[in-house]
PDBML (XML) file of the C-alpha atoms, coordinates in Angstrom:
<?xml version="1.0" encoding="UTF-8" ?>
<PDBx:datablock datablockName="MODEL"
   xmlns:PDBx="http://pdbml.pdb.org/schema/pdbx-v50.xsd"
   xmlns:xsi="http://www.w3.org/2001/XMLSchema-instance"
   xsi:schemaLocation="http://pdbml.pdb.org/schema/pdbx-v50.xsd pdbx-v50.xsd">
   <PDBx:atom_siteCategory>
      <PDBx:atom_site id="1">
         <PDBx:B_iso_or_equiv>0.00</PDBx:B_iso_or_equiv>
         <PDBx:Cartn_x>94.334</PDBx:Cartn_x>
         <PDBx:Cartn_y>92.509</PDBx:Cartn_y>
         <PDBx:Cartn_z>112.838</PDBx:Cartn_z>
         <PDBx:auth_asym_id>A</PDBx:auth_asym_id>
         <PDBx:auth_atom_id>CA</PDBx:auth_atom_id>
         <PDBx:auth_comp_id>VAL</PDBx:auth_comp_id>
         <PDBx:auth_seq_id>1</PDBx:auth_seq_id>
         <PDBx:group_PDB>ATOM</PDBx:group_PDB>
         <PDBx:label_alt_id xsi:nil="true" />
         <PDBx:label_asym_id>A</PDBx:label_asym_id>
         <PDBx:label_atom_id>CA</PDBx:label_atom_id>
         <PDBx:label_comp_id>VAL</PDBx:label_comp_id>
         <PDBx:label_entity_id>1</PDBx:label_entity_id>
         <PDBx:label_seq_id>1</PDBx:label_seq_id>
         <PDBx:occupancy>1.00</PDBx:occupancy>
         <PDBx:pdbx_PDB_model_num>1</PDBx:pdbx_PDB_model_num>
         <PDBx:type_symbol>C</PDBx:type_symbol>
      </PDBx:atom_site>
      <PDBx:atom_site id="2">
         <PDBx:B_iso_or_equiv>0.00</PDBx:B_iso_or_equiv>
         <PDBx:Cartn_x>92.739</PDBx:Cartn_x>
         <PDBx:Cartn_y>91.267</PDBx:Cartn_y>
         <PDBx:Cartn_z>110.386</PDBx:Cartn_z>
         <PDBx:auth_asym_id>A</PDBx:auth_asym_id>
         <PDBx:auth_atom_id>CA</PDBx:auth_atom_id>
         <PDBx:auth_comp_id>LEU</PDBx:auth_comp_id>
         <PDBx:auth_seq_id>2</PDBx:auth_seq_id>
         <PDBx:group_PDB>ATOM</PDBx:group_PDB>
         <PDBx:label_alt_id xsi:nil="true" />
         <PDBx:label_asym_id>A</PDBx:label_asym_id>
         <PDBx:label_atom_id>CA</PDBx:label_atom_id>
         <PDBx:label_comp_id>LEU</PDBx:label_comp_id>
         <PDBx:label_entity_id>1</PDBx:label_entity_id>
         <PDBx:label_seq_id>2</PDBx:label_seq_id>
         <PDBx:occupancy>1.00</PDBx:occupancy>
         <PDBx:pdbx_PDB_model_num>1</PDBx:pdbx_PDB_model_num>
         <PDBx:type_symbol>C</PDBx:type_symbol>
      </PDBx:atom_site>
      <PDBx:atom_site id="3">
         <PDBx:B_iso_or_equiv>0.00</PDBx:B_iso_or_equiv>
         <PDBx:Cartn_x>90.419</PDBx:Cartn_x>
         <PDBx:Cartn_y>94.816</PDBx:Cartn_y>
         <PDBx:Cartn_z>110.016</PDBx:Cartn_z>
         <PDBx:auth_asym_id>A</PDBx:auth_asym_id>
         <PDBx:auth_atom_id>CA</PDBx:auth_atom_id>
         <PDBx:auth_comp_id>MET</PDBx:auth_comp_id>
         <PDBx:auth_seq_id>3</PDBx:auth_seq_id>
         <PDBx:group_PDB>ATOM</PDBx:group_PDB>
         <PDBx:label_alt_id xsi:nil="true" />
         <PDBx:label_asym_id>A</PDBx:label_asym_id>
         <PDBx:label_atom_id>CA</PDBx:label_atom_id>
         <PDBx:label_comp_id>MET</PDBx:label_comp_id>
         <PDBx:label_entity_id>1</PDBx:label_entity_id>
         <PDBx:label_seq_id>3</PDBx:label_seq_id>
         <PDBx:occupancy>1.00</PDBx:occupancy>
         <PDBx:pdbx_PDB_model_num>1</PDBx:pdbx_PDB_model_num>
         <PDBx:type_symbol>C</PDBx:type_symbol>
      </PDBx:atom_site>
      <PDBx:atom_site id="4">
         <PDBx:B_iso_or_equiv>0.00</PDBx:B_iso_or_equiv>
         <PDBx:Cartn_x>93.654</PDBx:Cartn_x>
         <PDBx:Cartn_y>96.713</PDBx:Cartn_y>
         <PDBx:Cartn_z>110.070</PDBx:Cartn_z>
         <PDBx:auth_asym_id>A</PDBx:auth_asym_id>
         <PDBx:auth_atom_id>CA</PDBx:auth_atom_id>
         <PDBx:auth_comp_id>ILE</PDBx:auth_comp_id>
         <PDBx:auth_seq_id>4</PDBx:auth_seq_id>
         <PDBx:group_PDB>ATOM</PDBx:group_PDB>
         <PDBx:label_alt_id xsi:nil="true" />
         <PDBx:label_asym_id>A</PDBx:label_asym_id>
         <PDBx:label_atom_id>CA</PDBx:label_atom_id>
         <PDBx:label_comp_id>ILE</PDBx:label_comp_id>
         <PDBx:label_entity_id>1</PDBx:label_entity_id>
         <PDBx:label_seq_id>4</PDBx:label_seq_id>
         <PDBx:occupancy>1.00</PDBx:occupancy>
         <PDBx:pdbx_PDB_model_num>1</PDBx:pdbx_PDB_model_num>
         <PDBx:type_symbol>C</PDBx:type_symbol>
      </PDBx:atom_site>
      <PDBx:atom_site id="5">
         <PDBx:B_iso_or_equiv>0.00</PDBx:B_iso_or_equiv>
         <PDBx:Cartn_x>95.408</PDBx:Cartn_x>
         <PDBx:Cartn_y>95.217</PDBx:Cartn_y>
         <PDBx:Cartn_z>107.120</PDBx:Cartn_z>
         <PDBx:auth_asym_id>A</PDBx:auth_asym_id>
         <PDBx:auth_atom_id>CA</PDBx:auth_atom_id>
         <PDBx:auth_comp_id>TRP</PDBx:auth_comp_id>
         <PDBx:auth_seq_id>5</PDBx:auth_seq_id>
         <PDBx:group_PDB>ATOM</PDBx:group_PDB>
         <PDBx:label_alt_id xsi:nil="true" />
         <PDBx:label_asym_id>A</PDBx:label_asym_id>
         <PDBx:label_atom_id>CA</PDBx:label_atom_id>
         <PDBx:label_comp_id>TRP</PDBx:label_comp_id>
         <PDBx:label_entity_id>1</PDBx:label_entity_id>
         <PDBx:label_seq_id>5</PDBx:label_seq_id>
         <PDBx:occupancy>1.00</PDBx:occupancy>
         <PDBx:pdbx_PDB_model_num>1</PDBx:pdbx_PDB_model_num>
         <PDBx:type_symbol>C</PDBx:type_symbol>
      </PDBx:atom_site>
      <PDBx:atom_site id="6">
         <PDBx:B_iso_or_equiv>0.00</PDBx:B_iso_or_equiv>
         <PDBx:Cartn_x>92.381</PDBx:Cartn_x>
         <PDBx:Cartn_y>94.985</PDBx:Cartn_y>
         <PDBx:Cartn_z>105.417</PDBx:Cartn_z>
         <PDBx:auth_asym_id>A</PDBx:auth_asym_id>
         <PDBx:auth_atom_id>CA</PDBx:auth_atom_id>
         <PDBx:auth_comp_id>PHE</PDBx:auth_comp_id>
         <PDBx:auth_seq_id>6</PDBx:auth_seq_id>
         <PDBx:group_PDB>ATOM</PDBx:group_PDB>
         <PDBx:label_alt_id xsi:nil="true" />
         <PDBx:label_asym_id>A</PDBx:label_asym_id>
         <PDBx:label_atom_id>CA</PDBx:label_atom_id>
         <PDBx:label_comp_id>PHE</PDBx:label_comp_id>
         <PDBx:label_entity_id>1</PDBx:label_entity_id>
         <PDBx:label_seq_id>6</PDBx:label_seq_id>
         <PDBx:occupancy>1.00</PDBx:occupancy>
         <PDBx:pdbx_PDB_model_num>1</PDBx:pdbx_PDB_model_num>
         <PDBx:type_symbol>C</PDBx:type_symbol>
      </PDBx:atom_site>
      <PDBx:atom_site id="7">
         <PDBx:B_iso_or_equiv>0.00</PDBx:B_iso_or_equiv>
         <PDBx:Cartn_x>91.838</PDBx:Cartn_x>
         <PDBx:Cartn_y>99.523</PDBx:Cartn_y>
         <PDBx:Cartn_z>105.819</PDBx:Cartn_z>
         <PDBx:auth_asym_id>A</PDBx:auth_asym_id>
         <PDBx:auth_atom_id>CA</PDBx:auth_atom_id>
         <PDBx:auth_comp_id>LEU</PDBx:auth_comp_id>
         <PDBx:auth_seq_id>7</PDBx:auth_seq_id>
         <PDBx:group_PDB>ATOM</PDBx:group_PDB>
         <PDBx:label_alt_id xsi:nil="true" />
         <PDBx:label_asym_id>A</PDBx:label_asym_id>
         <PDBx:label_atom_id>CA</PDBx:label_atom_id>
         <PDBx:label_comp_id>LEU</PDBx:label_comp_id>
         <PDBx:label_entity_id>1</PDBx:label_entity_id>
         <PDBx:label_seq_id>7</PDBx:label_seq_id>
         <PDBx:occupancy>1.00</PDBx:occupancy>
         <PDBx:pdbx_PDB_model_num>1</PDBx:pdbx_PDB_model_num>
         <PDBx:type_symbol>C</PDBx:type_symbol>
      </PDBx:atom_site>
      <PDBx:atom_site id="8">
         <PDBx:B_iso_or_equiv>0.00</PDBx:B_iso_or_equiv>
         <PDBx:Cartn_x>95.772</PDBx:Cartn_x>
         <PDBx:Cartn_y>99.232</PDBx:Cartn_y>
         <PDBx:Cartn_z>104.924</PDBx:Cartn_z>
         <PDBx:auth_asym_id>A</PDBx:auth_asym_id>
         <PDBx:auth_atom_id>CA</PDBx:auth_atom_id>
         <PDBx:auth_comp_id>ALA</PDBx:auth_comp_id>
         <PDBx:auth_seq_id>8</PDBx:auth_seq_id>
         <PDBx:group_PDB>ATOM</PDBx:group_PDB>
         <PDBx:label_alt_id xsi:nil="true" />
         <PDBx:label_asym_id>A</PDBx:label_asym_id>
         <PDBx:label_atom_id>CA</PDBx:label_atom_id>
         <PDBx:label_comp_id>ALA</PDBx:label_comp_id>
         <PDBx:label_entity_id>1</PDBx:label_entity_id>
         <PDBx:label_seq_id>8</PDBx:label_seq_id>
         <PDBx:occupancy>1.00</PDBx:occupancy>
         <PDBx:pdbx_PDB_model_num>1</PDBx:pdbx_PDB_model_num>
         <PDBx:type_symbol>C</PDBx:type_symbol>
      </PDBx:atom_site>
      <PDBx:atom_site id="9">
         <PDBx:B_iso_or_equiv>0.00</PDBx:B_iso_or_equiv>
         <PDBx:Cartn_x>96.397</PDBx:Cartn_x>
         <PDBx:Cartn_y>97.092</PDBx:Cartn_y>
         <PDBx:Cartn_z>102.161</PDBx:Cartn_z>
         <PDBx:auth_asym_id>A</PDBx:auth_asym_id>
         <PDBx:auth_atom_id>CA</PDBx:auth_atom_id>
         <PDBx:auth_comp_id>TYR</PDBx:auth_comp_id>
         <PDBx:auth_seq_id>9</PDBx:auth_seq_id>
         <PDBx:group_PDB>ATOM</PDBx:group_PDB>
         <PDBx:label_alt_id xsi:nil="true" />
         <PDBx:label_asym_id>A</PDBx:label_asym_id>
         <PDBx:label_atom_id>CA</PDBx:label_atom_id>
         <PDBx:label_comp_id>TYR</PDBx:label_comp_id>
         <PDBx:label_entity_id>1</PDBx:label_entity_id>
         <PDBx:label_seq_id>9</PDBx:label_seq_id>
         <PDBx:occupancy>1.00</PDBx:occupancy>
         <PDBx:pdbx_PDB_model_num>1</PDBx:pdbx_PDB_model_num>
         <PDBx:type_symbol>C</PDBx:type_symbol>
      </PDBx:atom_site>
      <PDBx:atom_site id="10">
         <PDBx:B_iso_or_equiv>0.00</PDBx:B_iso_or_equiv>
         <PDBx:Cartn_x>93.202</PDBx:Cartn_x>
         <PDBx:Cartn_y>96.381</PDBx:Cartn_y>
         <PDBx:Cartn_z>100.308</PDBx:Cartn_z>
         <PDBx:auth_asym_id>A</PDBx:auth_asym_id>
         <PDBx:auth_atom_id>CA</PDBx:auth_atom_id>
         <PDBx:auth_comp_id>LYS</PDBx:auth_comp_id>
         <PDBx:auth_seq_id>10</PDBx:auth_seq_id>
         <PDBx:group_PDB>ATOM</PDBx:group_PDB>
         <PDBx:label_alt_id xsi:nil="true" />
         <PDBx:label_asym_id>A</PDBx:label_asym_id>
         <PDBx:label_atom_id>CA</PDBx:label_atom_id>
         <PDBx:label_comp_id>LYS</PDBx:label_comp_id>
         <PDBx:label_entity_id>1</PDBx:label_entity_id>
         <PDBx:label_seq_id>10</PDBx:label_seq_id>
         <PDBx:occupancy>1.00</PDBx:occupancy>
         <PDBx:pdbx_PDB_model_num>1</PDBx:pdbx_PDB_model_num>
         <PDBx:type_symbol>C</PDBx:type_symbol>
      </PDBx:atom_site>
      <PDBx:atom_site id="11">
         <PDBx:B_iso_or_equiv>0.00</PDBx:B_iso_or_equiv>
         <PDBx:Cartn_x>91.715</PDBx:Cartn_x>
         <PDBx:Cartn_y>100.016</PDBx:Cartn_y>
         <PDBx:Cartn_z>101.757</PDBx:Cartn_z>
         <PDBx:auth_asym_id>A</PDBx:auth_asym_id>
         <PDBx:auth_atom_id>CA</PDBx:auth_atom_id>
         <PDBx:auth_comp_id>MET</PDBx:auth_comp_id>
         <PDBx:auth_seq_id>11</PDBx:auth_seq_id>
         <PDBx:group_PDB>ATOM</PDBx:group_PDB>
         <PDBx:label_alt_id xsi:nil="true" />
         <PDBx:label_asym_id>A</PDBx:label_asym_id>
         <PDBx:label_atom_id>CA</PDBx:label_atom_id>
         <PDBx:label_comp_id>MET</PDBx:label_comp_id>
         <PDBx:label_entity_id>1</PDBx:label_entity_id>
         <PDBx:label_seq_id>11</PDBx:label_seq_id>
         <PDBx:occupancy>1.00</PDBx:occupancy>
         <PDBx:pdbx_PDB_model_num>1</PDBx:pdbx_PDB_model_num>
         <PDBx:type_symbol>C</PDBx:type_symbol>
      </PDBx:atom_site>
      <PDBx:atom_site id="12">
         <PDBx:B_iso_or_equiv>0.00</PDBx:B_iso_or_equiv>
         <PDBx:Cartn_x>95.229</PDBx:Cartn_x>
         <PDBx:Cartn_y>101.674</PDBx:Cartn_y>
         <PDBx:Cartn_z>100.611</PDBx:Cartn_z>
         <PDBx:auth_asym_id>A</PDBx:auth_asym_id>
         <PDBx:auth_atom_id>CA</PDBx:auth_atom_id>
         <PDBx:auth_comp_id>GLU</PDBx:auth_comp_id>
         <PDBx:auth_seq_id>12</PDBx:auth_seq_id>
         <PDBx:group_PDB>ATOM</PDBx:group_PDB>
         <PDBx:label_alt_id xsi:nil="true" />
         <PDBx:label_asym_id>A</PDBx:label_asym_id>
         <PDBx:label_atom_id>CA</PDBx:label_atom_id>
         <PDBx:label_comp_id>GLU</PDBx:label_comp_id>
         <PDBx:label_entity_id>1</PDBx:label_entity_id>
         <PDBx:label_seq_id>12</PDBx:label_seq_id>
         <PDBx:occupancy>1.00</PDBx:occupancy>
         <PDBx:pdbx_PDB_model_num>1</PDBx:pdbx_PDB_model_num>
         <PDBx:type_symbol>C</PDBx:type_symbol>
      </PDBx:atom_site>
      <PDBx:atom_site id="13">
         <PDBx:B_iso_or_equiv>0.00</PDBx:B_iso_or_equiv>
         <PDBx:Cartn_x>95.256</PDBx:Cartn_x>
         <PDBx:Cartn_y>103.596</PDBx:Cartn_y>
         <PDBx:Cartn_z>103.600</PDBx:Cartn_z>
         <PDBx:auth_asym_id>A</PDBx:auth_asym_id>
         <PDBx:auth_atom_id>CA</PDBx:auth_atom_id>
         <PDBx:auth_comp_id>LEU</PDBx:auth_comp_id>
         <PDBx:auth_seq_id>13</PDBx:auth_seq_id>
         <PDBx:group_PDB>ATOM</PDBx:group_PDB>
         <PDBx:label_alt_id xsi:nil="true" />
         <PDBx:label_asym_id>A</PDBx:label_asym_id>
         <PDBx:label_atom_id>CA</PDBx:label_atom_id>
         <PDBx:label_comp_id>LEU</PDBx:label_comp_id>
         <PDBx:label_entity_id>1</PDBx:label_entity_id>
         <PDBx:label_seq_id>13</PDBx:label_seq_id>
         <PDBx:occupancy>1.00</PDBx:occupancy>
         <PDBx:pdbx_PDB_model_num>1</PDBx:pdbx_PDB_model_num>
         <PDBx:type_symbol>C</PDBx:type_symbol>
      </PDBx:atom_site>
      <PDBx:atom_site id="14">
         <PDBx:B_iso_or_equiv>0.00</PDBx:B_iso_or_equiv>
         <PDBx:Cartn_x>98.526</PDBx:Cartn_x>
         <PDBx:Cartn_y>103.397</PDBx:Cartn_y>
         <PDBx:Cartn_z>104.359</PDBx:Cartn_z>
         <PDBx:auth_asym_id>A</PDBx:auth_asym_id>
         <PDBx:auth_atom_id>CA</PDBx:auth_atom_id>
         <PDBx:auth_comp_id>SER</PDBx:auth_comp_id>
         <PDBx:auth_seq_id>14</PDBx:auth_seq_id>
         <PDBx:group_PDB>ATOM</PDBx:group_PDB>
         <PDBx:label_alt_id xsi:nil="true" />
         <PDBx:label_asym_id>A</PDBx:label_asym_id>
         <PDBx:label_atom_id>CA</PDBx:label_atom_id>
         <PDBx:label_comp_id>SER</PDBx:label_comp_id>
         <PDBx:label_entity_id>1</PDBx:label_entity_id>
         <PDBx:label_seq_id>14</PDBx:label_seq_id>
         <PDBx:occupancy>1.00</PDBx:occupancy>
         <PDBx:pdbx_PDB_model_num>1</PDBx:pdbx_PDB_model_num>
         <PDBx:type_symbol>C</PDBx:type_symbol>
      </PDBx:atom_site>
      <PDBx:atom_site id="15">
         <PDBx:B_iso_or_equiv>0.00</PDBx:B_iso_or_equiv>
         <PDBx:Cartn_x>99.505</PDBx:Cartn_x>
         <PDBx:Cartn_y>104.234</PDBx:Cartn_y>
         <PDBx:Cartn_z>101.262</PDBx:Cartn_z>
         <PDBx:auth_asym_id>A</PDBx:auth_asym_id>
         <PDBx:auth_atom_id>CA</PDBx:auth_atom_id>
         <PDBx:auth_comp_id>THR</PDBx:auth_comp_id>
         <PDBx:auth_seq_id>15</PDBx:auth_seq_id>
         <PDBx:group_PDB>ATOM</PDBx:group_PDB>
         <PDBx:label_alt_id xsi:nil="true" />
         <PDBx:label_asym_id>A</PDBx:label_asym_id>
         <PDBx:label_atom_id>CA</PDBx:label_atom_id>
         <PDBx:label_comp_id>THR</PDBx:label_comp_id>
         <PDBx:label_entity_id>1</PDBx:label_entity_id>
         <PDBx:label_seq_id>15</PDBx:label_seq_id>
         <PDBx:occupancy>1.00</PDBx:occupancy>
         <PDBx:pdbx_PDB_model_num>1</PDBx:pdbx_PDB_model_num>
         <PDBx:type_symbol>C</PDBx:type_symbol>
      </PDBx:atom_site>
      <PDBx:atom_site id="16">
         <PDBx:B_iso_or_equiv>0.00</PDBx:B_iso_or_equiv>
         <PDBx:Cartn_x>100.967</PDBx:Cartn_x>
         <PDBx:Cartn_y>107.594</PDBx:Cartn_y>
         <PDBx:Cartn_z>99.792</PDBx:Cartn_z>
         <PDBx:auth_asym_id>A</PDBx:auth_asym_id>
         <PDBx:auth_atom_id>CA</PDBx:auth_atom_id>
         <PDBx:auth_comp_id>ALA</PDBx:auth_comp_id>
         <PDBx:auth_seq_id>16</PDBx:auth_seq_id>
         <PDBx:group_PDB>ATOM</PDBx:group_PDB>
         <PDBx:label_alt_id xsi:nil="true" />
         <PDBx:label_asym_id>A</PDBx:label_asym_id>
         <PDBx:label_atom_id>CA</PDBx:label_atom_id>
         <PDBx:label_comp_id>ALA</PDBx:label_comp_id>
         <PDBx:label_entity_id>1</PDBx:label_entity_id>
         <PDBx:label_seq_id>16</PDBx:label_seq_id>
         <PDBx:occupancy>1.00</PDBx:occupancy>
         <PDBx:pdbx_PDB_model_num>1</PDBx:pdbx_PDB_model_num>
         <PDBx:type_symbol>C</PDBx:type_symbol>
      </PDBx:atom_site>
      <PDBx:atom_site id="17">
         <PDBx:B_iso_or_equiv>0.00</PDBx:B_iso_or_equiv>
         <PDBx:Cartn_x>98.499</PDBx:Cartn_x>
         <PDBx:Cartn_y>109.800</PDBx:Cartn_y>
         <PDBx:Cartn_z>97.870</PDBx:Cartn_z>
         <PDBx:auth_asym_id>A</PDBx:auth_asym_id>
         <PDBx:auth_atom_id>CA</PDBx:auth_atom_id>
         <PDBx:auth_comp_id>PRO</PDBx:auth_comp_id>
         <PDBx:auth_seq_id>17</PDBx:auth_seq_id>
         <PDBx:group_PDB>ATOM</PDBx:group_PDB>
         <PDBx:label_alt_id xsi:nil="true" />
         <PDBx:label_asym_id>A</PDBx:label_asym_id>
         <PDBx:label_atom_id>CA</PDBx:label_atom_id>
         <PDBx:label_comp_id>PRO</PDBx:label_comp_id>
         <PDBx:label_entity_id>1</PDBx:label_entity_id>
         <PDBx:label_seq_id>17</PDBx:label_seq_id>
         <PDBx:occupancy>1.00</PDBx:occupancy>
         <PDBx:pdbx_PDB_model_num>1</PDBx:pdbx_PDB_model_num>
         <PDBx:type_symbol>C</PDBx:type_symbol>
      </PDBx:atom_site>
      <PDBx:atom_site id="18">
         <PDBx:B_iso_or_equiv>0.00</PDBx:B_iso_or_equiv>
         <PDBx:Cartn_x>99.174</PDBx:Cartn_x>
         <PDBx:Cartn_y>109.293</PDBx:Cartn_y>
         <PDBx:Cartn_z>94.289</PDBx:Cartn_z>
         <PDBx:auth_asym_id>A</PDBx:auth_asym_id>
         <PDBx:auth_atom_id>CA</PDBx:auth_atom_id>
         <PDBx:auth_comp_id>SER</PDBx:auth_comp_id>
         <PDBx:auth_seq_id>18</PDBx:auth_seq_id>
         <PDBx:group_PDB>ATOM</PDBx:group_PDB>
         <PDBx:label_alt_id xsi:nil="true" />
         <PDBx:label_asym_id>A</PDBx:label_asym_id>
         <PDBx:label_atom_id>CA</PDBx:label_atom_id>
         <PDBx:label_comp_id>SER</PDBx:label_comp_id>
         <PDBx:label_entity_id>1</PDBx:label_entity_id>
         <PDBx:label_seq_id>18</PDBx:label_seq_id>
         <PDBx:occupancy>1.00</PDBx:occupancy>
         <PDBx:pdbx_PDB_model_num>1</PDBx:pdbx_PDB_model_num>
         <PDBx:type_symbol>C</PDBx:type_symbol>
      </PDBx:atom_site>
      <PDBx:atom_site id="19">
         <PDBx:B_iso_or_equiv>0.00</PDBx:B_iso_or_equiv>
         <PDBx:Cartn_x>98.560</PDBx:Cartn_x>
         <PDBx:Cartn_y>112.795</PDBx:Cartn_y>
         <PDBx:Cartn_z>93.467</PDBx:Cartn_z>
         <PDBx:auth_asym_id>A</PDBx:auth_asym_id>
         <PDBx:auth_atom_id>CA</PDBx:auth_atom_id>
         <PDBx:auth_comp_id>ARG</PDBx:auth_comp_id>
         <PDBx:auth_seq_id>19</PDBx:auth_seq_id>
         <PDBx:group_PDB>ATOM</PDBx:group_PDB>
         <PDBx:label_alt_id xsi:nil="true" />
         <PDBx:label_asym_id>A</PDBx:label_asym_id>
         <PDBx:label_atom_id>CA</PDBx:label_atom_id>
         <PDBx:label_comp_id>ARG</PDBx:label_comp_id>
         <PDBx:label_entity_id>1</PDBx:label_entity_id>
         <PDBx:label_seq_id>19</PDBx:label_seq_id>
         <PDBx:occupancy>1.00</PDBx:occupancy>
         <PDBx:pdbx_PDB_model_num>1</PDBx:pdbx_PDB_model_num>
         <PDBx:type_symbol>C</PDBx:type_symbol>
      </PDBx:atom_site>
      <PDBx:atom_site id="20">
         <PDBx:B_iso_or_equiv>0.00</PDBx:B_iso_or_equiv>
         <PDBx:Cartn_x>100.302</PDBx:Cartn_x>
         <PDBx:Cartn_y>115.534</PDBx:Cartn_y>
         <PDBx:Cartn_z>94.226</PDBx:Cartn_z>
         <PDBx:auth_asym_id>A</PDBx:auth_asym_id>
         <PDBx:auth_atom_id>CA</PDBx:auth_atom_id>
         <PDBx:auth_comp_id>THR</PDBx:auth_comp_id>
         <PDBx:auth_seq_id>20</PDBx:auth_seq_id>
         <PDBx:group_PDB>ATOM</PDBx:group_PDB>
         <PDBx:label_alt_id xsi:nil="true" />
         <PDBx:label_asym_id>A</PDBx:label_asym_id>
         <PDBx:label_atom_id>CA</PDBx:label_atom_id>
         <PDBx:label_comp_id>THR</PDBx:label_comp_id>
         <PDBx:label_entity_id>1</PDBx:label_entity_id>
         <PDBx:label_seq_id>20</PDBx:label_seq_id>
         <PDBx:occupancy>1.00</PDBx:occupancy>
         <PDBx:pdbx_PDB_model_num>1</PDBx:pdbx_PDB_model_num>
         <PDBx:type_symbol>C</PDBx:type_symbol>
      </PDBx:atom_site>
      <PDBx:atom_site id="21">
         <PDBx:B_iso_or_equiv>0.00</PDBx:B_iso_or_equiv>
         <PDBx:Cartn_x>98.844</PDBx:Cartn_x>
         <PDBx:Cartn_y>117.570</PDBx:Cartn_y>
         <PDBx:Cartn_z>97.299</PDBx:Cartn_z>
         <PDBx:auth_asym_id>A</PDBx:auth_asym_id>
         <PDBx:auth_atom_id>CA</PDBx:auth_atom_id>
         <PDBx:auth_comp_id>VAL</PDBx:auth_comp_id>
         <PDBx:auth_seq_id>21</PDBx:auth_seq_id>
         <PDBx:group_PDB>ATOM</PDBx:group_PDB>
         <PDBx:label_alt_id xsi:nil="true" />
         <PDBx:label_asym_id>A</PDBx:label_asym_id>
         <PDBx:label_atom_id>CA</PDBx:label_atom_id>
         <PDBx:label_comp_id>VAL</PDBx:label_comp_id>
         <PDBx:label_entity_id>1</PDBx:label_entity_id>
         <PDBx:label_seq_id>21</PDBx:label_seq_id>
         <PDBx:occupancy>1.00</PDBx:occupancy>
         <PDBx:pdbx_PDB_model_num>1</PDBx:pdbx_PDB_model_num>
         <PDBx:type_symbol>C</PDBx:type_symbol>
      </PDBx:atom_site>
      <PDBx:atom_site id="22">
         <PDBx:B_iso_or_equiv>0.00</PDBx:B_iso_or_equiv>
         <PDBx:Cartn_x>99.110</PDBx:Cartn_x>
         <PDBx:Cartn_y>121.115</PDBx:Cartn_y>
         <PDBx:Cartn_z>96.569</PDBx:Cartn_z>
         <PDBx:auth_asym_id>A</PDBx:auth_asym_id>
         <PDBx:auth_atom_id>CA</PDBx:auth_atom_id>
         <PDBx:auth_comp_id>GLU</PDBx:auth_comp_id>
         <PDBx:auth_seq_id>22</PDBx:auth_seq_id>
         <PDBx:group_PDB>ATOM</PDBx:group_PDB>
         <PDBx:label_alt_id xsi:nil="true" />
         <PDBx:label_asym_id>A</PDBx:label_asym_id>
         <PDBx:label_atom_id>CA</PDBx:label_atom_id>
         <PDBx:label_comp_id>GLU</PDBx:label_comp_id>
         <PDBx:label_entity_id>1</PDBx:label_entity_id>
         <PDBx:label_seq_id>22</PDBx:label_seq_id>
         <PDBx:occupancy>1.00</PDBx:occupancy>
         <PDBx:pdbx_PDB_model_num>1</PDBx:pdbx_PDB_model_num>
         <PDBx:type_symbol>C</PDBx:type_symbol>
      </PDBx:atom_site>
      <PDBx:atom_site id="23">
         <PDBx:B_iso_or_equiv>0.00</PDBx:B_iso_or_equiv>
         <PDBx:Cartn_x>99.609</PDBx:Cartn_x>
         <PDBx:Cartn_y>123.578</PDBx:Cartn_y>
         <PDBx:Cartn_z>99.351</PDBx:Cartn_z>
         <PDBx:auth_asym_id>A</PDBx:auth_asym_id>
         <PDBx:auth_atom_id>CA</PDBx:auth_atom_id>
         <PDBx:auth_comp_id>PHE</PDBx:auth_comp_id>
         <PDBx:auth_seq_id>23</PDBx:auth_seq_id>
         <PDBx:group_PDB>ATOM</PDBx:group_PDB>
         <PDBx:label_alt_id xsi:nil="true" />
         <PDBx:label_asym_id>A</PDBx:label_asym_id>
         <PDBx:label_atom_id>CA</PDBx:label_atom_id>
         <PDBx:label_comp_id>PHE</PDBx:label_comp_id>
         <PDBx:label_entity_id>1</PDBx:label_entity_id>
         <PDBx:label_seq_id>23</PDBx:label_seq_id>
         <PDBx:occupancy>1.00</PDBx:occupancy>
         <PDBx:pdbx_PDB_model_num>1</PDBx:pdbx_PDB_model_num>
         <PDBx:type_symbol>C</PDBx:type_symbol>
      </PDBx:atom_site>
      <PDBx:atom_site id="24">
         <PDBx:B_iso_or_equiv>0.00</PDBx:B_iso_or_equiv>
         <PDBx:Cartn_x>98.344</PDBx:Cartn_x>
         <PDBx:Cartn_y>127.208</PDBx:Cartn_y>
         <PDBx:Cartn_z>99.240</PDBx:Cartn_z>
         <PDBx:auth_asym_id>A</PDBx:auth_asym_id>
         <PDBx:auth_atom_id>CA</PDBx:auth_atom_id>
         <PDBx:auth_comp_id>HIS</PDBx:auth_comp_id>
         <PDBx:auth_seq_id>24</PDBx:auth_seq_id>
         <PDBx:group_PDB>ATOM</PDBx:group_PDB>
         <PDBx:label_alt_id xsi:nil="true" />
         <PDBx:label_asym_id>A</PDBx:label_asym_id>
         <PDBx:label_atom_id>CA</PDBx:label_atom_id>
         <PDBx:label_comp_id>HIS</PDBx:label_comp_id>
         <PDBx:label_entity_id>1</PDBx:label_entity_id>
         <PDBx:label_seq_id>24</PDBx:label_seq_id>
         <PDBx:occupancy>1.00</PDBx:occupancy>
         <PDBx:pdbx_PDB_model_num>1</PDBx:pdbx_PDB_model_num>
         <PDBx:type_symbol>C</PDBx:type_symbol>
      </PDBx:atom_site>
   </PDBx:atom_siteCategory>
</PDBx:datablock>
C-alpha cells in the first residue's frame, strides 16, 4: 500500500501528463 502511494503520488503515475498528447 505504501509502495502504491509512492508510485501514484511521489512518482506522479496517477496524474495526467503536463503536455498535450497528440494523436496521428
